[in-house]
Amino acid sequence: MAHFAKLDENNIVLEVNVVSNSDCGDLPFPASEPLGIEFLTQWSGGYTNWKQTSYNDNFRKRYAGIGYKYDSVLDAFIPPQPYASWVFNEQELWWEPPILYPTDGNRYKWDEETQSWVEVIP
């Protein structure tokens, strides 16, 4: 099965659809992509802004999720920024907190107001 992200005019993922391998010519990526887009364009009534995504993160860095953005320069799906204080790591293509997650084995959640990790007490 091949997976395709439907993108809006700003390349934000609206949904992800599954297309059978046979509708992609039983070809591997990237040869499968134009055939899958052709299939989805017909299936959707003419919508053309689709990008293939890899469920196993084999290409385009990671599997596309709703709200992710497709960056054509990086050829990657970028998750939304989780907090205003987090910084984008251009090598990992991921958002990072300004303070590293504690490594003491406890569970924490990010508190944007104090910009710190707060332990989650069960």
Protein backbone atom coordinates (compact mmCIF):
# COMPACT_ATOMS: atom_id res chain seq x y z
CA MET A 1 0.00 0.00 0.00
CA ALA A 2 1.16 3.51 -0.79
CA HIS A 3 0.27 6.55 1.30
CA PHE A 4 -0.35 10.03 -0.06
CA ALA A 5 -0.77 13.32 1.79
CA LYS A 6 -3.37 15.75 0.50
CA LEU A 7 -1.88 19.24 0.79
CA ASP A 8 -3.57 22.63 0.92
CA GLU A 9 -2.30 25.72 -0.96
CA ASN A 10 0.35 26.25 1.77
CA ASN A 11 1.49 22.59 1.64
CA ILE A 12 -0.14 21.78 4.98
CA VAL A 13 -1.33 18.16 5.22
CA LEU A 14 -5.12 17.95 5.27
CA GLU A 15 -5.43 14.15 5.23
CA VAL A 16 -3.50 11.01 4.30
CA ASN A 17 -4.97 8.46 1.90
CA VAL A 18 -4.00 4.90 1.09
CA VAL A 19 -3.63 3.86 -2.54
CA SER A 20 -3.17 0.26 -3.63
CA ASN A 21 0.18 -0.67 -5.09
CA SER A 22 -1.51 -1.70 -8.31
CA ASP A 23 -2.86 1.84 -8.74
CA CYS A 24 0.77 3.00 -8.46
CA GLY A 25 1.93 0.59 -11.16
CA ASP A 26 3.40 -1.73 -8.50
CA LEU A 27 6.45 0.53 -8.64
CA PRO A 28 8.67 1.70 -5.78
CA PHE A 29 8.99 5.35 -4.81
CA PRO A 30 9.70 7.71 -6.59
CA ALA A 31 8.34 6.07 -9.76
CA SER A 32 5.06 5.29 -7.95
CA GLU A 33 4.32 8.91 -7.04
CA PRO A 34 3.10 10.30 -10.40
CA LEU A 35 0.84 7.29 -10.92
CA GLY A 36 -0.59 7.61 -7.42
CA ILE A 37 -1.19 11.33 -7.92
CA GLU A 38 -2.93 10.61 -11.22
CA PHE A 39 -5.15 8.03 -9.50
CA LEU A 40 -5.98 10.39 -6.61
CA THR A 41 -6.65 13.32 -8.96
CA GLN A 42 -9.28 11.26 -10.75
CA TRP A 43 -10.64 9.76 -7.51
CA SER A 44 -10.96 13.18 -5.84
CA GLY A 45 -12.63 14.90 -8.74
CA GLY A 46 -9.61 16.89 -9.88
CA TYR A 47 -7.63 17.75 -6.73
CA THR A 48 -3.93 17.69 -7.70
CA ASN A 49 -1.84 18.70 -4.67
CA TRP A 50 -0.64 15.31 -3.35
CA LYS A 51 2.73 14.03 -2.11
CA GLN A 52 3.63 10.45 -1.37
CA THR A 53 4.67 9.72 2.20
CA SER A 54 6.37 6.71 3.74
CA TYR A 55 4.67 4.84 6.56
CA ASN A 56 8.12 3.46 7.49
CA ASP A 57 9.91 6.84 7.17
CA ASN A 58 11.91 5.54 4.18
CA PHE A 59 11.68 8.88 2.37
CA ARG A 60 10.68 12.49 3.09
CA LYS A 61 12.07 12.09 6.61
CA ARG A 62 8.86 10.95 8.32
CA TYR A 63 5.29 9.87 7.75
CA ALA A 64 3.00 12.82 7.06
CA GLY A 65 0.41 13.67 9.68
CA ILE A 66 -2.50 16.07 9.60
CA GLY A 67 -1.15 19.56 10.23
CA TYR A 68 2.38 18.71 9.07
CA LYS A 69 3.91 20.87 6.36
CA TYR A 70 5.59 19.58 3.24
CA ASP A 71 8.82 21.52 2.67
CA SER A 72 9.74 21.27 -1.01
CA VAL A 73 13.30 22.53 -0.45
CA LEU A 74 14.03 19.87 2.17
CA ASP A 75 11.71 17.34 0.47
CA ALA A 76 10.41 16.44 3.91
CA PHE A 77 7.29 16.52 6.06
CA ILE A 78 7.79 18.83 9.05
CA PRO A 79 5.59 18.50 12.15
CA PRO A 80 3.88 21.60 13.54
CA GLN A 81 5.83 23.61 16.11
CA PRO A 82 4.61 22.25 19.46
CA TYR A 83 5.46 25.35 21.50
CA ALA A 84 6.56 28.89 20.64
CA SER A 85 9.84 28.47 22.53
CA TRP A 86 10.91 25.32 20.67
CA VAL A 87 13.53 25.68 17.95
CA PHE A 88 13.68 23.86 14.65
CA ASN A 89 16.71 21.58 14.24
CA GLU A 90 17.52 21.74 10.52
CA GLN A 91 19.72 18.64 10.61
CA GLU A 92 17.15 16.41 12.31
CA LEU A 93 14.16 18.25 10.80
CA TRP A 94 12.50 18.23 14.20
CA TRP A 95 11.46 20.73 16.89
CA GLU A 96 13.58 20.81 20.05
CA PRO A 97 12.88 22.33 23.45
CA PRO A 98 15.19 25.05 24.76
CA ILE A 99 16.02 22.72 27.69
CA LEU A 100 16.76 19.04 27.21
CA TYR A 101 14.30 16.48 28.55
CA PRO A 102 15.42 15.16 31.98
CA THR A 103 17.12 11.77 31.92
CA ASP A 104 16.30 10.63 35.46
CA GLY A 105 13.69 8.10 34.29
CA ASN A 106 10.66 10.11 35.49
CA ARG A 107 7.88 11.38 33.22
CA TYR A 108 7.69 15.08 32.38
CA LYS A 109 5.57 17.47 30.36
CA TRP A 110 6.65 20.79 28.91
CA ASP A 111 5.34 23.95 30.63
CA GLU A 112 5.56 26.77 28.12
CA GLU A 113 4.81 29.47 30.72
CA THR A 114 7.86 28.63 32.82
CA GLN A 115 9.77 27.11 29.90
CA SER A 116 10.68 24.09 31.94
CA TRP A 117 9.92 20.40 32.28
CA VAL A 118 7.41 19.62 35.00
CA GLU A 119 7.30 16.13 36.44
CA VAL A 120 4.05 14.25 35.86
CA ILE A 121 2.92 12.68 39.12
CA PRO A 122 0.58 9.69 38.60
